[in-house]
Amino acid sequence: MRIILLGPQGAGKGTQAIKLSQRLKIPHISTGDLLRQNVAKQTELGKQAKGYMNKGVLVPDELVAKMLMQRIDQSDTLDGFILDGYPRNLKQAETLEGMLKERNISINLVIDLDSSESIIIQRLTGRLVCKSCGMNFHIKNMPPKAPNICDSCKGELYQRDDDKEETVRKRLEVYRKETSSLISYYKATGKLHRLSADGDPDIVLQQIVALAKETK
């Protein structure tokens, strides 16, 4: 079972991907994690990516796609995988389809986690991140045991600049513009299913698992 999770930041893609990975026993592949891992391990692709990151520019799609396919070529993906954070636009979707076709595999299911703007703003503007270990908390949904102190390493918690309301609204606007053609692309394949991500995450997970079983 090969699944793509779509949705804006704050819709819960990462949370659902981790839980779904455990439930279906297939790996969760996040392009953000892949980038960090390649840079940390100083792989050839990681060194190239770091060069772009140091200049403050986006890592080219081609480089991210190479990292992704290296990961998909590993043996633990034989029974499937869950993609989180890729593709983000139509061009990336077409690139992904071409690379998978070369390997005689295809995407089985695309889940679009749809979330209302008010819920996303509430989730993201309340997020706190540890300066030391990067662990995430939420003022309302998952508060730390002590105010502004990480439960794990006792580091200081802070709010990222891109989690402020005005920035969140702009990011949502950009997301909608970038993904409108992507949504249409997967809709045309008959593989796209839109689910509301505003409610209880466990219920959303059950709905995704049910769709995965139906798709099999």
N, C-alpha and C. Protein backbone atom coordinates (compact mmCIF):
# COMPACT_ATOMS: atom_id res chain seq x y z
N MET A 1 0.83 -1.19 0.00
CA MET A 1 0.00 0.00 0.00
C MET A 1 0.88 1.25 0.00
N ARG A 2 0.74 2.04 -1.05
CA ARG A 2 1.53 3.27 -1.17
C ARG A 2 0.58 4.46 -1.09
N ILE A 3 0.79 5.29 -0.08
CA ILE A 3 -0.15 6.35 0.27
C ILE A 3 0.53 7.71 0.26
N ILE A 4 -0.17 8.72 -0.26
CA ILE A 4 0.28 10.11 -0.18
C ILE A 4 -0.68 10.85 0.75
N LEU A 5 -0.12 11.59 1.70
CA LEU A 5 -0.93 12.44 2.57
C LEU A 5 -0.74 13.89 2.14
N LEU A 6 -1.83 14.54 1.75
CA LEU A 6 -1.81 15.95 1.40
C LEU A 6 -2.54 16.76 2.47
N GLY A 7 -2.26 18.06 2.49
CA GLY A 7 -2.94 18.93 3.45
C GLY A 7 -2.02 20.04 3.90
N PRO A 8 -2.59 21.17 4.29
CA PRO A 8 -1.77 22.30 4.75
C PRO A 8 -1.11 22.00 6.09
N GLN A 9 -0.09 22.79 6.43
CA GLN A 9 0.51 22.66 7.75
C GLN A 9 -0.56 22.93 8.79
N GLY A 10 -0.58 22.11 9.83
CA GLY A 10 -1.61 22.26 10.86
C GLY A 10 -2.77 21.32 10.67
N ALA A 11 -2.82 20.61 9.52
CA ALA A 11 -3.91 19.67 9.28
C ALA A 11 -3.64 18.33 9.97
N GLY A 12 -2.41 18.12 10.40
CA GLY A 12 -2.08 16.88 11.12
C GLY A 12 -1.46 15.79 10.28
N LYS A 13 -0.86 16.14 9.14
CA LYS A 13 -0.25 15.13 8.27
C LYS A 13 0.81 14.31 9.00
N GLY A 14 1.71 15.01 9.69
CA GLY A 14 2.80 14.31 10.37
C GLY A 14 2.30 13.35 11.43
N THR A 15 1.35 13.81 12.23
CA THR A 15 0.76 12.98 13.29
C THR A 15 0.08 11.75 12.69
N GLN A 16 -0.72 11.97 11.65
CA GLN A 16 -1.43 10.85 11.03
C GLN A 16 -0.47 9.88 10.35
N ALA A 17 0.58 10.42 9.73
CA ALA A 17 1.55 9.57 9.04
C ALA A 17 2.26 8.63 10.02
N ILE A 18 2.63 9.16 11.17
CA ILE A 18 3.32 8.34 12.18
C ILE A 18 2.40 7.23 12.68
N LYS A 19 1.15 7.58 13.01
CA LYS A 19 0.20 6.59 13.53
C LYS A 19 -0.17 5.57 12.46
N LEU A 20 -0.33 6.05 11.24
CA LEU A 20 -0.69 5.17 10.13
C LEU A 20 0.44 4.19 9.82
N SER A 21 1.67 4.68 9.93
CA SER A 21 2.84 3.83 9.73
C SER A 21 2.85 2.67 10.72
N GLN A 22 2.53 2.98 11.97
CA GLN A 22 2.49 1.94 13.00
C GLN A 22 1.35 0.95 12.76
N ARG A 23 0.20 1.49 12.33
CA ARG A 23 -0.98 0.65 12.11
C ARG A 23 -0.81 -0.28 10.90
N LEU A 24 -0.29 0.25 9.80
CA LEU A 24 -0.17 -0.53 8.57
C LEU A 24 1.18 -1.23 8.43
N LYS A 25 2.09 -0.89 9.34
CA LYS A 25 3.44 -1.48 9.33
C LYS A 25 4.17 -1.23 8.01
N ILE A 26 4.10 0.03 7.56
CA ILE A 26 4.87 0.48 6.40
C ILE A 26 5.55 1.79 6.79
N PRO A 27 6.72 2.10 6.22
CA PRO A 27 7.47 3.29 6.66
C PRO A 27 6.81 4.62 6.29
N HIS A 28 7.00 5.58 7.19
CA HIS A 28 6.57 6.96 6.98
C HIS A 28 7.77 7.70 6.40
N ILE A 29 7.61 8.28 5.21
CA ILE A 29 8.71 8.99 4.56
C ILE A 29 8.37 10.47 4.47
N SER A 30 9.11 11.27 5.22
CA SER A 30 8.94 12.72 5.22
C SER A 30 10.12 13.35 4.50
N THR A 31 9.84 14.18 3.49
CA THR A 31 10.95 14.80 2.76
C THR A 31 11.74 15.76 3.65
N GLY A 32 11.06 16.36 4.62
CA GLY A 32 11.77 17.23 5.57
C GLY A 32 12.78 16.44 6.38
N ASP A 33 12.36 15.27 6.86
CA ASP A 33 13.26 14.40 7.61
C ASP A 33 14.42 13.91 6.73
N LEU A 34 14.09 13.57 5.49
CA LEU A 34 15.13 13.08 4.57
C LEU A 34 16.22 14.13 4.35
N LEU A 35 15.79 15.37 4.17
CA LEU A 35 16.76 16.46 4.00
C LEU A 35 17.67 16.58 5.22
N ARG A 36 17.06 16.61 6.39
CA ARG A 36 17.85 16.75 7.64
C ARG A 36 18.81 15.57 7.82
N GLN A 37 18.33 14.36 7.54
CA GLN A 37 19.16 13.17 7.70
C GLN A 37 20.34 13.17 6.74
N ASN A 38 20.09 13.53 5.49
CA ASN A 38 21.17 13.56 4.50
C ASN A 38 22.21 14.62 4.82
N VAL A 39 21.74 15.76 5.32
CA VAL A 39 22.67 16.83 5.71
C VAL A 39 23.49 16.39 6.92
N ALA A 40 22.81 15.80 7.92
CA ALA A 40 23.49 15.37 9.14
C ALA A 40 24.52 14.27 8.87
N LYS A 41 24.18 13.36 7.96
CA LYS A 41 25.09 12.25 7.65
C LYS A 41 26.15 12.63 6.62
N GLN A 42 26.03 13.86 6.10
CA GLN A 42 26.97 14.38 5.10
C GLN A 42 27.08 13.46 3.89
N THR A 43 25.91 12.99 3.42
CA THR A 43 25.89 12.21 2.19
C THR A 43 26.18 13.16 1.03
N GLU A 44 26.44 12.60 -0.15
CA GLU A 44 26.73 13.44 -1.31
C GLU A 44 25.55 14.37 -1.60
N LEU A 45 24.34 13.81 -1.54
CA LEU A 45 23.15 14.63 -1.78
C LEU A 45 22.96 15.64 -0.65
N GLY A 46 23.30 15.23 0.57
CA GLY A 46 23.19 16.12 1.72
C GLY A 46 24.12 17.32 1.61
N LYS A 47 25.34 17.07 1.12
CA LYS A 47 26.32 18.16 0.94
C LYS A 47 25.81 19.16 -0.10
N GLN A 48 25.21 18.62 -1.18
CA GLN A 48 24.67 19.51 -2.21
C GLN A 48 23.52 20.34 -1.65
N ALA A 49 22.65 19.68 -0.88
CA ALA A 49 21.50 20.37 -0.30
C ALA A 49 21.94 21.46 0.66
N LYS A 50 22.96 21.16 1.47
CA LYS A 50 23.45 22.13 2.45
C LYS A 50 23.98 23.38 1.77
N GLY A 51 24.57 23.19 0.60
CA GLY A 51 25.08 24.34 -0.15
C GLY A 51 23.96 25.33 -0.48
N TYR A 52 22.82 24.79 -0.88
CA TYR A 52 21.67 25.65 -1.18
C TYR A 52 21.10 26.26 0.10
N MET A 53 21.01 25.44 1.15
CA MET A 53 20.43 25.91 2.41
C MET A 53 21.28 27.02 3.02
N ASN A 54 22.61 26.90 2.90
CA ASN A 54 23.50 27.93 3.43
C ASN A 54 23.34 29.27 2.71
N LYS A 55 22.91 29.18 1.45
CA LYS A 55 22.67 30.41 0.67
C LYS A 55 21.28 30.99 0.94
N GLY A 56 20.48 30.24 1.71
CA GLY A 56 19.14 30.71 2.02
C GLY A 56 18.15 30.52 0.89
N VAL A 57 18.44 29.57 0.00
CA VAL A 57 17.52 29.30 -1.11
C VAL A 57 16.96 27.88 -0.98
N LEU A 58 15.84 27.63 -1.68
CA LEU A 58 15.20 26.33 -1.61
C LEU A 58 16.07 25.26 -2.27
N VAL A 59 16.05 24.07 -1.70
CA VAL A 59 16.75 22.94 -2.31
C VAL A 59 15.98 22.56 -3.57
N PRO A 60 16.65 22.42 -4.72
CA PRO A 60 15.95 22.12 -5.98
C PRO A 60 15.13 20.83 -5.90
N ASP A 61 14.01 20.83 -6.63
CA ASP A 61 13.13 19.67 -6.66
C ASP A 61 13.88 18.40 -7.07
N GLU A 62 14.79 18.54 -8.03
CA GLU A 62 15.51 17.37 -8.54
C GLU A 62 16.31 16.67 -7.44
N LEU A 63 16.90 17.49 -6.57
CA LEU A 63 17.72 16.95 -5.48
C LEU A 63 16.84 16.24 -4.45
N VAL A 64 15.71 16.85 -4.12
CA VAL A 64 14.77 16.24 -3.17
C VAL A 64 14.24 14.92 -3.75
N ALA A 65 13.93 14.93 -5.04
CA ALA A 65 13.41 13.72 -5.70
C ALA A 65 14.43 12.58 -5.65
N LYS A 66 15.71 12.90 -5.82
CA LYS A 66 16.75 11.87 -5.75
C LYS A 66 16.83 11.27 -4.36
N MET A 67 16.76 12.13 -3.33
CA MET A 67 16.77 11.64 -1.94
C MET A 67 15.58 10.72 -1.70
N LEU A 68 14.43 11.16 -2.21
CA LEU A 68 13.19 10.39 -2.02
C LEU A 68 13.30 9.02 -2.66
N MET A 69 13.79 8.95 -3.87
CA MET A 69 13.87 7.66 -4.55
C MET A 69 14.93 6.75 -3.93
N GLN A 70 16.00 7.33 -3.42
CA GLN A 70 16.98 6.52 -2.68
C GLN A 70 16.31 5.84 -1.49
N ARG A 71 15.42 6.60 -0.83
CA ARG A 71 14.72 6.05 0.33
C ARG A 71 13.70 4.98 -0.09
N ILE A 72 12.98 5.26 -1.17
CA ILE A 72 11.97 4.30 -1.64
C ILE A 72 12.62 3.01 -2.14
N ASP A 73 13.87 3.10 -2.60
CA ASP A 73 14.58 1.92 -3.09
C ASP A 73 15.07 1.00 -1.97
N GLN A 74 14.92 1.42 -0.72
CA GLN A 74 15.35 0.57 0.40
C GLN A 74 14.35 -0.57 0.61
N SER A 75 14.82 -1.67 1.15
CA SER A 75 14.03 -2.90 1.22
C SER A 75 12.78 -2.81 2.10
N ASP A 76 12.77 -1.89 3.07
CA ASP A 76 11.61 -1.83 3.98
C ASP A 76 10.37 -1.23 3.34
N THR A 77 10.49 -0.75 2.09
CA THR A 77 9.33 -0.16 1.40
C THR A 77 8.65 -1.15 0.46
N LEU A 78 9.09 -2.40 0.48
CA LEU A 78 8.54 -3.40 -0.45
C LEU A 78 7.02 -3.55 -0.29
N ASP A 79 6.53 -3.45 0.94
CA ASP A 79 5.09 -3.58 1.18
C ASP A 79 4.36 -2.25 1.09
N GLY A 80 5.11 -1.17 0.84
CA GLY A 80 4.49 0.14 0.71
C GLY A 80 5.17 1.21 1.54
N PHE A 81 4.57 2.41 1.50
CA PHE A 81 5.12 3.54 2.26
C PHE A 81 4.06 4.64 2.33
N ILE A 82 4.30 5.60 3.21
CA ILE A 82 3.43 6.77 3.36
C ILE A 82 4.26 8.01 3.09
N LEU A 83 3.88 8.79 2.09
CA LEU A 83 4.61 10.01 1.75
C LEU A 83 3.96 11.21 2.44
N ASP A 84 4.79 11.97 3.15
CA ASP A 84 4.33 13.15 3.89
C ASP A 84 5.21 14.33 3.48
N GLY A 85 4.60 15.33 2.83
CA GLY A 85 5.37 16.51 2.43
C GLY A 85 5.81 16.50 0.98
N TYR A 86 5.42 15.46 0.26
CA TYR A 86 5.77 15.36 -1.16
C TYR A 86 4.76 14.46 -1.84
N PRO A 87 4.24 14.86 -3.00
CA PRO A 87 4.53 16.08 -3.75
C PRO A 87 3.77 17.29 -3.21
N ARG A 88 4.31 18.48 -3.49
CA ARG A 88 3.68 19.74 -3.07
C ARG A 88 3.03 20.48 -4.23
N ASN A 89 3.35 20.09 -5.44
CA ASN A 89 2.79 20.77 -6.60
C ASN A 89 2.69 19.77 -7.76
N LEU A 90 2.08 20.23 -8.85
CA LEU A 90 1.84 19.34 -10.00
C LEU A 90 3.13 18.81 -10.61
N LYS A 91 4.13 19.66 -10.74
CA LYS A 91 5.40 19.23 -11.32
C LYS A 91 6.02 18.09 -10.51
N GLN A 92 5.99 18.22 -9.19
CA GLN A 92 6.55 17.16 -8.34
C GLN A 92 5.74 15.87 -8.47
N ALA A 93 4.42 16.00 -8.61
CA ALA A 93 3.56 14.82 -8.77
C ALA A 93 3.90 14.07 -10.05
N GLU A 94 4.13 14.82 -11.12
CA GLU A 94 4.47 14.20 -12.40
C GLU A 94 5.85 13.55 -12.35
N THR A 95 6.78 14.22 -11.64
CA THR A 95 8.13 13.65 -11.46
C THR A 95 8.04 12.34 -10.68
N LEU A 96 7.26 12.36 -9.60
CA LEU A 96 7.10 11.18 -8.76
C LEU A 96 6.51 10.02 -9.56
N GLU A 97 5.46 10.31 -10.32
CA GLU A 97 4.82 9.25 -11.11
C GLU A 97 5.80 8.63 -12.10
N GLY A 98 6.62 9.48 -12.73
CA GLY A 98 7.59 8.97 -13.69
C GLY A 98 8.63 8.07 -13.04
N MET A 99 9.12 8.48 -11.87
CA MET A 99 10.15 7.70 -11.17
C MET A 99 9.58 6.38 -10.65
N LEU A 100 8.34 6.40 -10.18
CA LEU A 100 7.71 5.17 -9.70
C LEU A 100 7.42 4.22 -10.86
N LYS A 101 7.03 4.80 -11.99
CA LYS A 101 6.74 3.98 -13.18
C LYS A 101 7.97 3.21 -13.62
N GLU A 102 9.15 3.84 -13.50
CA GLU A 102 10.40 3.17 -13.85
C GLU A 102 10.63 1.94 -12.98
N ARG A 103 10.02 1.94 -11.81
CA ARG A 103 10.18 0.84 -10.85
C ARG A 103 8.97 -0.09 -10.86
N ASN A 104 8.06 0.13 -11.79
CA ASN A 104 6.85 -0.68 -11.93
C ASN A 104 5.97 -0.67 -10.68
N ILE A 105 5.92 0.48 -10.02
CA ILE A 105 5.03 0.63 -8.87
C ILE A 105 4.22 1.92 -9.04
N SER A 106 3.16 2.04 -8.29
CA SER A 106 2.32 3.23 -8.40
C SER A 106 1.69 3.57 -7.05
N ILE A 107 1.19 4.78 -6.93
CA ILE A 107 0.49 5.21 -5.72
C ILE A 107 -0.90 4.59 -5.71
N ASN A 108 -1.31 4.04 -4.56
CA ASN A 108 -2.62 3.42 -4.45
C ASN A 108 -3.70 4.36 -3.93
N LEU A 109 -3.30 5.28 -3.03
CA LEU A 109 -4.29 6.09 -2.33
C LEU A 109 -3.71 7.47 -2.01
N VAL A 110 -4.51 8.52 -2.25
CA VAL A 110 -4.11 9.88 -1.92
C VAL A 110 -5.16 10.46 -0.97
N ILE A 111 -4.73 10.85 0.22
CA ILE A 111 -5.63 11.41 1.23
C ILE A 111 -5.38 12.91 1.35
N ASP A 112 -6.42 13.69 1.13
CA ASP A 112 -6.33 15.14 1.29
C ASP A 112 -6.96 15.51 2.63
N LEU A 113 -6.12 15.86 3.60
CA LEU A 113 -6.61 16.24 4.93
C LEU A 113 -7.03 17.71 4.89
N ASP A 114 -8.31 17.91 4.81
CA ASP A 114 -8.87 19.26 4.68
C ASP A 114 -9.17 19.82 6.07
N SER A 115 -8.67 21.00 6.34
CA SER A 115 -8.89 21.61 7.65
C SER A 115 -9.26 23.07 7.49
N SER A 116 -10.19 23.55 8.32
CA SER A 116 -10.64 24.94 8.21
C SER A 116 -9.55 25.90 8.69
N GLU A 117 -9.58 27.10 8.16
CA GLU A 117 -8.55 28.09 8.47
C GLU A 117 -8.50 28.40 9.96
N SER A 118 -9.66 28.49 10.59
CA SER A 118 -9.69 28.83 12.03
C SER A 118 -9.03 27.75 12.87
N ILE A 119 -9.23 26.49 12.51
CA ILE A 119 -8.62 25.38 13.26
C ILE A 119 -7.11 25.37 13.05
N ILE A 120 -6.68 25.58 11.81
CA ILE A 120 -5.24 25.59 11.52
C ILE A 120 -4.55 26.72 12.28
N ILE A 121 -5.17 27.89 12.29
CA ILE A 121 -4.58 29.03 13.01
C ILE A 121 -4.49 28.72 14.50
N GLN A 122 -5.54 28.12 15.04
CA GLN A 122 -5.53 27.77 16.48
C GLN A 122 -4.42 26.77 16.79
N ARG A 123 -4.25 25.80 15.89
CA ARG A 123 -3.22 24.77 16.12
C ARG A 123 -1.81 25.33 16.00
N LEU A 124 -1.56 26.10 14.93
CA LEU A 124 -0.20 26.56 14.68
C LEU A 124 0.23 27.72 15.57
N THR A 125 -0.68 28.65 15.85
CA THR A 125 -0.29 29.79 16.68
C THR A 125 -0.08 29.38 18.14
N GLY A 126 -0.57 28.21 18.50
CA GLY A 126 -0.36 27.74 19.87
C GLY A 126 0.83 26.81 20.01
N ARG A 127 1.52 26.57 18.89
CA ARG A 127 2.64 25.62 18.92
C ARG A 127 3.87 26.23 19.58
N LEU A 128 4.54 25.42 20.38
CA LEU A 128 5.79 25.80 21.03
C LEU A 128 6.86 24.78 20.66
N VAL A 129 8.06 25.24 20.40
CA VAL A 129 9.15 24.36 19.98
C VAL A 129 10.33 24.51 20.93
N CYS A 130 10.96 23.39 21.27
CA CYS A 130 12.12 23.43 22.15
C CYS A 130 13.36 23.89 21.37
N LYS A 131 14.07 24.90 21.90
CA LYS A 131 15.28 25.42 21.25
C LYS A 131 16.40 24.38 21.22
N SER A 132 16.38 23.46 22.18
CA SER A 132 17.49 22.49 22.30
C SER A 132 17.26 21.22 21.48
N CYS A 133 16.09 20.57 21.68
CA CYS A 133 15.89 19.26 21.02
C CYS A 133 14.86 19.30 19.90
N GLY A 134 14.13 20.41 19.74
CA GLY A 134 13.17 20.53 18.65
C GLY A 134 11.82 19.89 18.91
N MET A 135 11.61 19.37 20.13
CA MET A 135 10.33 18.74 20.46
C MET A 135 9.20 19.77 20.42
N ASN A 136 8.02 19.35 19.91
CA ASN A 136 6.88 20.25 19.79
C ASN A 136 5.88 20.09 20.93
N PHE A 137 5.31 21.22 21.34
CA PHE A 137 4.23 21.24 22.33
C PHE A 137 3.15 22.17 21.82
N HIS A 138 2.04 22.23 22.54
CA HIS A 138 0.96 23.15 22.18
C HIS A 138 0.37 23.73 23.46
N ILE A 139 0.18 25.05 23.44
CA ILE A 139 -0.31 25.74 24.63
C ILE A 139 -1.60 25.12 25.16
N LYS A 140 -2.50 24.73 24.24
CA LYS A 140 -3.80 24.18 24.63
C LYS A 140 -3.87 22.67 24.50
N ASN A 141 -3.46 22.15 23.35
CA ASN A 141 -3.64 20.72 23.06
C ASN A 141 -2.62 19.80 23.72
N MET A 142 -1.38 20.28 23.88
CA MET A 142 -0.34 19.45 24.49
C MET A 142 0.64 20.33 25.25
N PRO A 143 0.17 20.94 26.35
CA PRO A 143 1.03 21.87 27.08
C PRO A 143 2.18 21.16 27.80
N PRO A 144 3.32 21.84 27.96
CA PRO A 144 4.43 21.26 28.73
C PRO A 144 4.06 21.20 30.20
N LYS A 145 4.73 20.33 30.94
CA LYS A 145 4.42 20.19 32.38
C LYS A 145 4.73 21.48 33.14
N ALA A 146 5.81 22.15 32.74
CA ALA A 146 6.17 23.45 33.34
C ALA A 146 6.15 24.50 32.22
N PRO A 147 5.63 25.69 32.48
CA PRO A 147 5.52 26.71 31.44
C PRO A 147 6.84 27.00 30.73
N ASN A 148 6.80 26.92 29.40
CA ASN A 148 7.95 27.26 28.54
C ASN A 148 9.21 26.44 28.79
N ILE A 149 9.03 25.24 29.38
CA ILE A 149 10.18 24.34 29.61
C ILE A 149 9.88 22.98 28.99
N CYS A 150 10.81 22.48 28.19
CA CYS A 150 10.64 21.20 27.52
C CYS A 150 10.59 20.04 28.52
N ASP A 151 9.59 19.17 28.36
CA ASP A 151 9.46 17.99 29.23
C ASP A 151 10.64 17.05 29.08
N SER A 152 11.19 16.99 27.85
CA SER A 152 12.22 16.01 27.54
C SER A 152 13.61 16.42 28.00
N CYS A 153 14.05 17.65 27.59
CA CYS A 153 15.45 18.03 27.88
C CYS A 153 15.57 19.28 28.76
N LYS A 154 14.41 19.83 29.15
CA LYS A 154 14.36 21.04 30.01
C LYS A 154 14.86 22.31 29.28
N GLY A 155 14.90 22.21 27.95
CA GLY A 155 15.28 23.38 27.16
C GLY A 155 14.17 24.42 27.13
N GLU A 156 14.50 25.60 26.62
CA GLU A 156 13.53 26.69 26.55
C GLU A 156 12.60 26.51 25.35
N LEU A 157 11.30 26.75 25.54
CA LEU A 157 10.33 26.66 24.46
C LEU A 157 10.08 28.05 23.87
N TYR A 158 9.84 28.10 22.56
CA TYR A 158 9.57 29.39 21.92
C TYR A 158 8.57 29.20 20.78
N GLN A 159 7.99 30.31 20.32
CA GLN A 159 7.09 30.28 19.18
C GLN A 159 7.87 30.69 17.94
N ARG A 160 7.81 29.86 16.89
CA ARG A 160 8.50 30.19 15.65
C ARG A 160 7.82 31.38 14.98
N ASP A 161 8.63 32.19 14.29
CA ASP A 161 8.08 33.36 13.59
C ASP A 161 7.02 32.97 12.58
N ASP A 162 7.21 31.80 11.92
CA ASP A 162 6.24 31.41 10.89
C ASP A 162 4.99 30.77 11.47
N ASP A 163 4.88 30.74 12.80
CA ASP A 163 3.66 30.26 13.45
C ASP A 163 2.80 31.41 13.98
N LYS A 164 3.17 32.63 13.65
CA LYS A 164 2.36 33.78 14.05
C LYS A 164 1.19 33.92 13.07
N GLU A 165 0.05 34.43 13.56
CA GLU A 165 -1.20 34.37 12.80
C GLU A 165 -1.10 34.95 11.39
N GLU A 166 -0.52 36.12 11.25
CA GLU A 166 -0.44 36.76 9.94
C GLU A 166 0.35 35.89 8.95
N THR A 167 1.45 35.31 9.45
CA THR A 167 2.29 34.45 8.60
C THR A 167 1.55 33.17 8.23
N VAL A 168 0.81 32.60 9.20
CA VAL A 168 0.04 31.38 8.95
C VAL A 168 -0.98 31.61 7.84
N ARG A 169 -1.67 32.75 7.89
CA ARG A 169 -2.68 33.06 6.86
C ARG A 169 -2.04 33.16 5.47
N LYS A 170 -0.86 33.77 5.41
CA LYS A 170 -0.16 33.89 4.13
C LYS A 170 0.28 32.53 3.60
N ARG A 171 0.76 31.68 4.52
CA ARG A 171 1.19 30.33 4.13
C ARG A 171 0.02 29.52 3.59
N LEU A 172 -1.15 29.69 4.21
CA LEU A 172 -2.34 28.97 3.75
C LEU A 172 -2.74 29.42 2.34
N GLU A 173 -2.63 30.72 2.11
CA GLU A 173 -2.96 31.26 0.79
C GLU A 173 -2.03 30.70 -0.27
N VAL A 174 -0.74 30.67 0.04
CA VAL A 174 0.25 30.12 -0.88
C VAL A 174 -0.02 28.63 -1.13
N TYR A 175 -0.33 27.90 -0.05
CA TYR A 175 -0.60 26.46 -0.16
C TYR A 175 -1.75 26.20 -1.12
N ARG A 176 -2.83 26.95 -0.95
CA ARG A 176 -4.02 26.73 -1.80
C ARG A 176 -3.69 26.98 -3.27
N LYS A 177 -2.92 28.03 -3.53
CA LYS A 177 -2.56 28.34 -4.92
C LYS A 177 -1.68 27.24 -5.51
N GLU A 178 -0.72 26.76 -4.73
CA GLU A 178 0.23 25.77 -5.22
C GLU A 178 -0.41 24.40 -5.44
N THR A 179 -1.41 24.07 -4.61
CA THR A 179 -1.94 22.70 -4.64
C THR A 179 -3.23 22.53 -5.41
N SER A 180 -3.83 23.61 -5.90
CA SER A 180 -5.11 23.47 -6.60
C SER A 180 -4.98 22.53 -7.80
N SER A 181 -3.92 22.70 -8.60
CA SER A 181 -3.72 21.83 -9.76
C SER A 181 -3.30 20.42 -9.33
N LEU A 182 -2.61 20.31 -8.20
CA LEU A 182 -2.20 19.01 -7.66
C LEU A 182 -3.43 18.19 -7.25
N ILE A 183 -4.37 18.85 -6.57
CA ILE A 183 -5.60 18.19 -6.15
C ILE A 183 -6.39 17.72 -7.37
N SER A 184 -6.48 18.57 -8.37
CA SER A 184 -7.20 18.22 -9.61
C SER A 184 -6.54 17.02 -10.30
N TYR A 185 -5.21 17.00 -10.27
CA TYR A 185 -4.44 15.92 -10.90
C TYR A 185 -4.79 14.57 -10.27
N TYR A 186 -4.77 14.51 -8.94
CA TYR A 186 -5.06 13.24 -8.27
C TYR A 186 -6.55 12.90 -8.29
N LYS A 187 -7.39 13.93 -8.34
CA LYS A 187 -8.83 13.70 -8.45
C LYS A 187 -9.15 12.97 -9.74
N ALA A 188 -8.45 13.37 -10.80
CA ALA A 188 -8.67 12.76 -12.12
C ALA A 188 -8.27 11.28 -12.15
N THR A 189 -7.37 10.88 -11.26
CA THR A 189 -6.94 9.47 -11.21
C THR A 189 -7.93 8.58 -10.47
N GLY A 190 -8.85 9.20 -9.73
CA GLY A 190 -9.80 8.44 -8.93
C GLY A 190 -9.23 7.93 -7.62
N LYS A 191 -8.00 8.35 -7.31
CA LYS A 191 -7.34 7.86 -6.09
C LYS A 191 -7.46 8.83 -4.91
N LEU A 192 -8.00 10.02 -5.17
CA LEU A 192 -8.06 11.06 -4.13
C LEU A 192 -9.29 10.93 -3.25
N HIS A 193 -9.08 11.02 -1.95
CA HIS A 193 -10.18 11.03 -0.97
C HIS A 193 -9.95 12.19 -0.02
N ARG A 194 -10.94 13.06 0.11
CA ARG A 194 -10.81 14.22 1.00
C ARG A 194 -11.49 13.92 2.33
N LEU A 195 -10.76 14.15 3.42
CA LEU A 195 -11.28 13.92 4.76
C LEU A 195 -11.15 15.20 5.59
N SER A 196 -12.13 15.48 6.42
CA SER A 196 -12.02 16.62 7.32
C SER A 196 -11.05 16.27 8.44
N ALA A 197 -10.07 17.14 8.65
CA ALA A 197 -9.07 16.91 9.71
C ALA A 197 -9.32 17.81 10.91
N ASP A 198 -10.52 18.39 10.98
CA ASP A 198 -10.83 19.31 12.09
C ASP A 198 -11.13 18.58 13.39
N GLY A 199 -11.60 17.34 13.29
CA GLY A 199 -12.05 16.61 14.47
C GLY A 199 -10.97 15.82 15.18
N ASP A 200 -11.43 14.82 15.94
CA ASP A 200 -10.55 13.96 16.73
C ASP A 200 -9.56 13.23 15.81
N PRO A 201 -8.25 13.36 16.05
CA PRO A 201 -7.25 12.70 15.20
C PRO A 201 -7.42 11.18 15.12
N ASP A 202 -7.89 10.56 16.20
CA ASP A 202 -8.08 9.10 16.19
C ASP A 202 -9.19 8.68 15.24
N ILE A 203 -10.23 9.51 15.15
CA ILE A 203 -11.33 9.21 14.21
C ILE A 203 -10.85 9.38 12.78
N VAL A 204 -10.06 10.43 12.54
CA VAL A 204 -9.48 10.64 11.21
C VAL A 204 -8.61 9.45 10.82
N LEU A 205 -7.81 8.96 11.76
CA LEU A 205 -6.95 7.79 11.52
C LEU A 205 -7.80 6.58 11.13
N GLN A 206 -8.89 6.35 11.85
CA GLN A 206 -9.77 5.22 11.55
C GLN A 206 -10.32 5.32 10.13
N GLN A 207 -10.67 6.53 9.72
CA GLN A 207 -11.20 6.74 8.37
C GLN A 207 -10.14 6.44 7.31
N ILE A 208 -8.89 6.85 7.57
CA ILE A 208 -7.80 6.58 6.61
C ILE A 208 -7.54 5.07 6.51
N VAL A 209 -7.51 4.40 7.67
CA VAL A 209 -7.28 2.94 7.68
C VAL A 209 -8.38 2.23 6.92
N ALA A 210 -9.62 2.67 7.11
CA ALA A 210 -10.76 2.05 6.40
C ALA A 210 -10.61 2.22 4.89
N LEU A 211 -10.18 3.41 4.44
CA LEU A 211 -9.97 3.64 3.01
C LEU A 211 -8.85 2.77 2.48
N ALA A 212 -7.80 2.60 3.28
CA ALA A 212 -6.66 1.77 2.88
C ALA A 212 -7.11 0.31 2.69
N LYS A 213 -7.97 -0.17 3.58
CA LYS A 213 -8.46 -1.53 3.49
C LYS A 213 -9.37 -1.72 2.28
N GLU A 214 -10.17 -0.70 2.00
CA GLU A 214 -11.06 -0.75 0.82
C GLU A 214 -10.25 -0.76 -0.47
N THR A 215 -9.15 0.01 -0.45
CA THR A 215 -8.32 0.13 -1.65
C THR A 215 -7.62 -1.18 -1.96
N LYS A 216 -7.25 -1.92 -0.92
CA LYS A 216 -6.60 -3.22 -1.13
C LYS A 216 -7.51 -4.16 -1.90
